[in-house]
Amino acid sequence: MSKKICGHCGTANDADNKFCISCGAPLAEKETFGNGHFEDAFGRSSRPYDRGEEIIYTSVAPRNIALCIILTLVTFGIYGLVWMSRLNNDVNELAQDPIAPGGGMVVFLTIVTLGIYGLFWLYKMGQKCDEIREINASSGILYLILGIFGLGIVSYALIQDSINKVLE
């Protein structure tokens, strides 16, 4: 009998299960369009992400960097906060870091600390981007320096570029 592998915890489940017997996450139902994308029991799309020795299914999708920058500028930075939240959640999902703070908390702490937490966040995102791209670099320092000089949007674009490259 064929098995379904949970994209969340990696547990093997019976082919007719809709939810994982270990963690309760919805299991992939079917492959769509033959491009490796799956839909779970709730109709959410997942894509395969090769993480070394294991394949992880993630709902993270690439974003158009130029469009995100334009939206941030047109909305006077408000979309930048939304983008920050999404970047945080996407990188944490790809890095499989379940204890990391959510995007909403990151935005809240950045606002409350008048941007200081945002600088720390840029540094941590650089480290996680290096981890998910499986490279030995110091992107965190670059992102922090850009943030200190008021170029946080460039750091956001670099983080998004890392996410997009991982999903290729």
C-alpha atoms as a PDB file:
ATOM      1  CA  MET A   1       0.000   0.000   0.000  1.00  0.00           C
ATOM      2  CA  SER A   2       1.333   3.453  -0.866  1.00  0.00           C
ATOM      3  CA  LYS A   3       2.072   5.989   1.805  1.00  0.00           C
ATOM      4  CA  LYS A   4       1.691   9.758   2.080  1.00  0.00           C
ATOM      5  CA  ILE A   5       4.559  11.601   3.731  1.00  0.00           C
ATOM      6  CA  CYS A   6       3.538  14.539   5.923  1.00  0.00           C
ATOM      7  CA  GLY A   7       5.089  17.734   4.602  1.00  0.00           C
ATOM      8  CA  HIS A   8       5.073  19.171   8.123  1.00  0.00           C
ATOM      9  CA  CYS A   9       6.698  16.446  10.265  1.00  0.00           C
ATOM     10  CA  GLY A  10       7.784  13.780   7.758  1.00  0.00           C
ATOM     11  CA  THR A  11       5.657  10.938   9.196  1.00  0.00           C
ATOM     12  CA  ALA A  12       4.538   8.189   6.800  1.00  0.00           C
ATOM     13  CA  ASN A  13       0.718   7.901   6.694  1.00  0.00           C
ATOM     14  CA  ASP A  14      -1.700   5.565   4.920  1.00  0.00           C
ATOM     15  CA  ALA A  15      -2.624   6.739   1.428  1.00  0.00           C
ATOM     16  CA  ASP A  16      -6.284   7.263   2.366  1.00  0.00           C
ATOM     17  CA  ASN A  17      -5.534   9.532   5.365  1.00  0.00           C
ATOM     18  CA  LYS A  18      -6.437  13.200   4.972  1.00  0.00           C
ATOM     19  CA  PHE A  19      -4.540  14.300   8.103  1.00  0.00           C
ATOM     20  CA  CYS A  20      -1.204  13.250   9.592  1.00  0.00           C
ATOM     21  CA  ILE A  21      -1.461  10.659  12.367  1.00  0.00           C
ATOM     22  CA  SER A  22       1.444  12.301  14.190  1.00  0.00           C
ATOM     23  CA  CYS A  23       0.912  16.073  14.008  1.00  0.00           C
ATOM     24  CA  GLY A  24      -2.594  16.412  12.534  1.00  0.00           C
ATOM     25  CA  ALA A  25      -1.455  18.546   9.579  1.00  0.00           C
ATOM     26  CA  PRO A  26      -3.464  18.186   6.347  1.00  0.00           C
ATOM     27  CA  LEU A  27      -1.808  15.746   3.940  1.00  0.00           C
ATOM     28  CA  ALA A  28      -1.219  16.379   0.241  1.00  0.00           C
ATOM     29  CA  GLU A  29      -4.222  15.187  -1.726  1.00  0.00           C
ATOM     30  CA  LYS A  30      -3.154  15.337  -5.314  1.00  0.00           C
ATOM     31  CA  GLU A  31      -0.502  16.629  -7.657  1.00  0.00           C
ATOM     32  CA  THR A  32      -1.816  19.375  -9.881  1.00  0.00           C
ATOM     33  CA  PHE A  33      -0.675  20.158 -13.426  1.00  0.00           C
ATOM     34  CA  GLY A  34       2.293  17.779 -13.097  1.00  0.00           C
ATOM     35  CA  ASN A  35       4.549  20.586 -11.845  1.00  0.00           C
ATOM     36  CA  GLY A  36       5.189  19.137  -8.393  1.00  0.00           C
ATOM     37  CA  HIS A  37       2.621  21.347  -6.650  1.00  0.00           C
ATOM     38  CA  PHE A  38       0.137  19.677  -4.324  1.00  0.00           C
ATOM     39  CA  GLU A  39      -3.133  20.690  -2.751  1.00  0.00           C
ATOM     40  CA  ASP A  40      -3.809  19.750   0.857  1.00  0.00           C
ATOM     41  CA  ALA A  41      -7.181  18.798   2.340  1.00  0.00           C
ATOM     42  CA  PHE A  42      -8.095  22.507   2.633  1.00  0.00           C
ATOM     43  CA  GLY A  43      -7.225  23.296  -1.003  1.00  0.00           C
ATOM     44  CA  ARG A  44      -4.020  25.183  -0.123  1.00  0.00           C
ATOM     45  CA  SER A  45      -1.241  24.816  -2.672  1.00  0.00           C
ATOM     46  CA  SER A  46       2.132  23.437  -1.618  1.00  0.00           C
ATOM     47  CA  ARG A  47       5.360  23.217  -3.569  1.00  0.00           C
ATOM     48  CA  PRO A  48       8.338  20.931  -3.044  1.00  0.00           C
ATOM     49  CA  TYR A  49      11.467  22.479  -1.534  1.00  0.00           C
ATOM     50  CA  ASP A  50      14.624  20.377  -1.576  1.00  0.00           C
ATOM     51  CA  ARG A  51      16.354  20.837   1.774  1.00  0.00           C
ATOM     52  CA  GLY A  52      19.475  18.705   1.549  1.00  0.00           C
ATOM     53  CA  GLU A  53      18.522  15.132   2.285  1.00  0.00           C
ATOM     54  CA  GLU A  54      14.785  15.770   2.620  1.00  0.00           C
ATOM     55  CA  ILE A  55      11.995  17.225   0.507  1.00  0.00           C
ATOM     56  CA  ILE A  56       9.701  19.635   2.326  1.00  0.00           C
ATOM     57  CA  TYR A  57       6.363  20.835   1.000  1.00  0.00           C
ATOM     58  CA  THR A  58       5.788  24.508   1.655  1.00  0.00           C
ATOM     59  CA  SER A  59       3.064  27.025   0.897  1.00  0.00           C
ATOM     60  CA  VAL A  60       5.661  29.797   0.457  1.00  0.00           C
ATOM     61  CA  ALA A  61       5.436  31.376  -2.985  1.00  0.00           C
ATOM     62  CA  PRO A  62       7.931  33.669  -4.731  1.00  0.00           C
ATOM     63  CA  ARG A  63       7.059  37.371  -4.903  1.00  0.00           C
ATOM     64  CA  ASN A  64       7.870  40.040  -7.461  1.00  0.00           C
ATOM     65  CA  ILE A  65      10.518  42.193  -5.763  1.00  0.00           C
ATOM     66  CA  ALA A  66       9.977  45.265  -7.947  1.00  0.00           C
ATOM     67  CA  LEU A  67       6.242  45.226  -7.244  1.00  0.00           C
ATOM     68  CA  CYS A  68       6.845  44.946  -3.487  1.00  0.00           C
ATOM     69  CA  ILE A  69       9.240  47.923  -3.587  1.00  0.00           C
ATOM     70  CA  ILE A  70       6.782  50.024  -5.621  1.00  0.00           C
ATOM     71  CA  LEU A  71       3.906  49.180  -3.253  1.00  0.00           C
ATOM     72  CA  THR A  72       6.078  50.083  -0.263  1.00  0.00           C
ATOM     73  CA  LEU A  73       6.968  53.469  -1.774  1.00  0.00           C
ATOM     74  CA  VAL A  74       3.426  54.261  -2.955  1.00  0.00           C
ATOM     75  CA  THR A  75       1.922  53.453   0.470  1.00  0.00           C
ATOM     76  CA  PHE A  76       4.628  55.453   2.296  1.00  0.00           C
ATOM     77  CA  GLY A  77       6.022  52.345   3.987  1.00  0.00           C
ATOM     78  CA  ILE A  78       2.784  50.729   5.142  1.00  0.00           C
ATOM     79  CA  TYR A  79       3.131  47.853   2.672  1.00  0.00           C
ATOM     80  CA  GLY A  80       6.726  47.538   3.911  1.00  0.00           C
ATOM     81  CA  LEU A  81       5.349  46.422   7.278  1.00  0.00           C
ATOM     82  CA  VAL A  82       3.146  43.824   5.560  1.00  0.00           C
ATOM     83  CA  TRP A  83       6.120  42.694   3.483  1.00  0.00           C
ATOM     84  CA  MET A  84       8.251  42.450   6.635  1.00  0.00           C
ATOM     85  CA  SER A  85       5.634  40.219   8.254  1.00  0.00           C
ATOM     86  CA  ARG A  86       5.392  37.972   5.190  1.00  0.00           C
ATOM     87  CA  LEU A  87       9.174  37.753   4.806  1.00  0.00           C
ATOM     88  CA  ASN A  88       9.456  36.716   8.438  1.00  0.00           C
ATOM     89  CA  ASN A  89       6.822  34.002   8.117  1.00  0.00           C
ATOM     90  CA  ASP A  90       8.213  32.707   4.805  1.00  0.00           C
ATOM     91  CA  VAL A  91      11.809  32.477   6.025  1.00  0.00           C
ATOM     92  CA  ASN A  92      10.731  30.819   9.280  1.00  0.00           C
ATOM     93  CA  GLU A  93       8.680  28.254   7.350  1.00  0.00           C
ATOM     94  CA  LEU A  94      11.542  27.469   4.982  1.00  0.00           C
ATOM     95  CA  ALA A  95      14.016  27.279   7.888  1.00  0.00           C
ATOM     96  CA  GLN A  96      11.526  25.098   9.799  1.00  0.00           C
ATOM     97  CA  ASP A  97      11.784  27.293  12.887  1.00  0.00           C
ATOM     98  CA  PRO A  98       8.493  26.782  14.767  1.00  0.00           C
ATOM     99  CA  ILE A  99       9.521  28.770  17.859  1.00  0.00           C
ATOM    100  CA  ALA A 100      10.463  31.954  16.001  1.00  0.00           C
ATOM    101  CA  PRO A 101       8.154  34.937  16.553  1.00  0.00           C
ATOM    102  CA  GLY A 102       5.415  35.429  13.963  1.00  0.00           C
ATOM    103  CA  GLY A 103       5.351  38.273  11.487  1.00  0.00           C
ATOM    104  CA  GLY A 104       2.761  40.265  13.417  1.00  0.00           C
ATOM    105  CA  MET A 105       4.880  40.150  16.569  1.00  0.00           C
ATOM    106  CA  VAL A 106       7.969  41.240  14.625  1.00  0.00           C
ATOM    107  CA  VAL A 107       6.129  44.266  13.201  1.00  0.00           C
ATOM    108  CA  PHE A 108       4.687  45.121  16.637  1.00  0.00           C
ATOM    109  CA  LEU A 109       8.091  44.919  18.358  1.00  0.00           C
ATOM    110  CA  THR A 110       9.700  46.979  15.587  1.00  0.00           C
ATOM    111  CA  ILE A 111       7.096  49.737  16.005  1.00  0.00           C
ATOM    112  CA  VAL A 112       7.231  49.698  19.819  1.00  0.00           C
ATOM    113  CA  THR A 113      11.046  49.849  19.913  1.00  0.00           C
ATOM    114  CA  LEU A 114      11.134  52.599  17.251  1.00  0.00           C
ATOM    115  CA  GLY A 115      12.957  50.368  14.788  1.00  0.00           C
ATOM    116  CA  ILE A 116      15.620  48.880  17.043  1.00  0.00           C
ATOM    117  CA  TYR A 117      14.048  45.414  17.004  1.00  0.00           C
ATOM    118  CA  GLY A 118      13.826  45.735  13.215  1.00  0.00           C
ATOM    119  CA  LEU A 119      17.609  46.021  13.026  1.00  0.00           C
ATOM    120  CA  PHE A 120      18.012  42.882  15.164  1.00  0.00           C
ATOM    121  CA  TRP A 121      15.419  41.161  12.952  1.00  0.00           C
ATOM    122  CA  LEU A 122      17.374  42.049   9.791  1.00  0.00           C
ATOM    123  CA  TYR A 123      20.484  40.459  11.278  1.00  0.00           C
ATOM    124  CA  LYS A 124      18.613  37.268  12.223  1.00  0.00           C
ATOM    125  CA  MET A 125      16.933  37.075   8.803  1.00  0.00           C
ATOM    126  CA  GLY A 126      20.365  37.251   7.174  1.00  0.00           C
ATOM    127  CA  GLN A 127      21.514  34.280   9.218  1.00  0.00           C
ATOM    128  CA  LYS A 128      18.368  32.308   8.365  1.00  0.00           C
ATOM    129  CA  CYS A 129      18.640  33.187   4.658  1.00  0.00           C
ATOM    130  CA  ASP A 130      22.196  31.831   4.666  1.00  0.00           C
ATOM    131  CA  GLU A 131      20.882  28.687   6.367  1.00  0.00           C
ATOM    132  CA  ILE A 132      18.047  28.049   3.909  1.00  0.00           C
ATOM    133  CA  ARG A 133      20.313  28.739   0.923  1.00  0.00           C
ATOM    134  CA  GLU A 134      22.900  26.440   2.524  1.00  0.00           C
ATOM    135  CA  ILE A 135      25.751  28.893   2.113  1.00  0.00           C
ATOM    136  CA  ASN A 136      28.439  29.989   4.542  1.00  0.00           C
ATOM    137  CA  ALA A 137      28.136  33.785   4.443  1.00  0.00           C
ATOM    138  CA  SER A 138      27.489  36.783   6.674  1.00  0.00           C
ATOM    139  CA  SER A 139      24.339  38.197   5.102  1.00  0.00           C
ATOM    140  CA  GLY A 140      23.058  39.236   8.530  1.00  0.00           C
ATOM    141  CA  ILE A 141      25.814  41.812   8.889  1.00  0.00           C
ATOM    142  CA  LEU A 142      25.105  43.209   5.412  1.00  0.00           C
ATOM    143  CA  TYR A 143      21.360  43.472   6.139  1.00  0.00           C
ATOM    144  CA  LEU A 144      22.071  45.131   9.496  1.00  0.00           C
ATOM    145  CA  ILE A 145      24.414  47.722   7.953  1.00  0.00           C
ATOM    146  CA  LEU A 146      21.874  48.496   5.222  1.00  0.00           C
ATOM    147  CA  GLY A 147      19.200  48.920   7.911  1.00  0.00           C
ATOM    148  CA  ILE A 148      21.382  51.245   9.990  1.00  0.00           C
ATOM    149  CA  PHE A 149      21.913  53.488   6.965  1.00  0.00           C
ATOM    150  CA  GLY A 150      18.168  53.636   6.253  1.00  0.00           C
ATOM    151  CA  LEU A 151      18.205  51.141   3.396  1.00  0.00           C
ATOM    152  CA  GLY A 152      16.056  48.470   5.034  1.00  0.00           C
ATOM    153  CA  ILE A 153      14.007  48.144   1.855  1.00  0.00           C
ATOM    154  CA  VAL A 154      17.162  46.914   0.082  1.00  0.00           C
ATOM    155  CA  SER A 155      17.546  44.289   2.814  1.00  0.00           C
ATOM    156  CA  TYR A 156      13.913  43.251   2.290  1.00  0.00           C
ATOM    157  CA  ALA A 157      14.608  42.880  -1.437  1.00  0.00           C
ATOM    158  CA  LEU A 158      17.685  40.740  -0.726  1.00  0.00           C
ATOM    159  CA  ILE A 159      15.720  38.552   1.698  1.00  0.00           C
ATOM    160  CA  GLN A 160      12.969  38.126  -0.900  1.00  0.00           C
ATOM    161  CA  ASP A 161      15.593  37.279  -3.511  1.00  0.00           C
ATOM    162  CA  SER A 162      16.940  34.543  -1.214  1.00  0.00           C
ATOM    163  CA  ILE A 163      13.439  33.116  -0.797  1.00  0.00           C
ATOM    164  CA  ASN A 164      12.800  33.254  -4.553  1.00  0.00           C
ATOM    165  CA  LYS A 165      16.112  31.480  -5.306  1.00  0.00           C
ATOM    166  CA  VAL A 166      15.373  28.696  -2.825  1.00  0.00           C
ATOM    167  CA  LEU A 167      11.971  28.121  -4.442  1.00  0.00           C
ATOM    168  CA  GLU A 168      13.345  27.929  -8.019  1.00  0.00           C
END
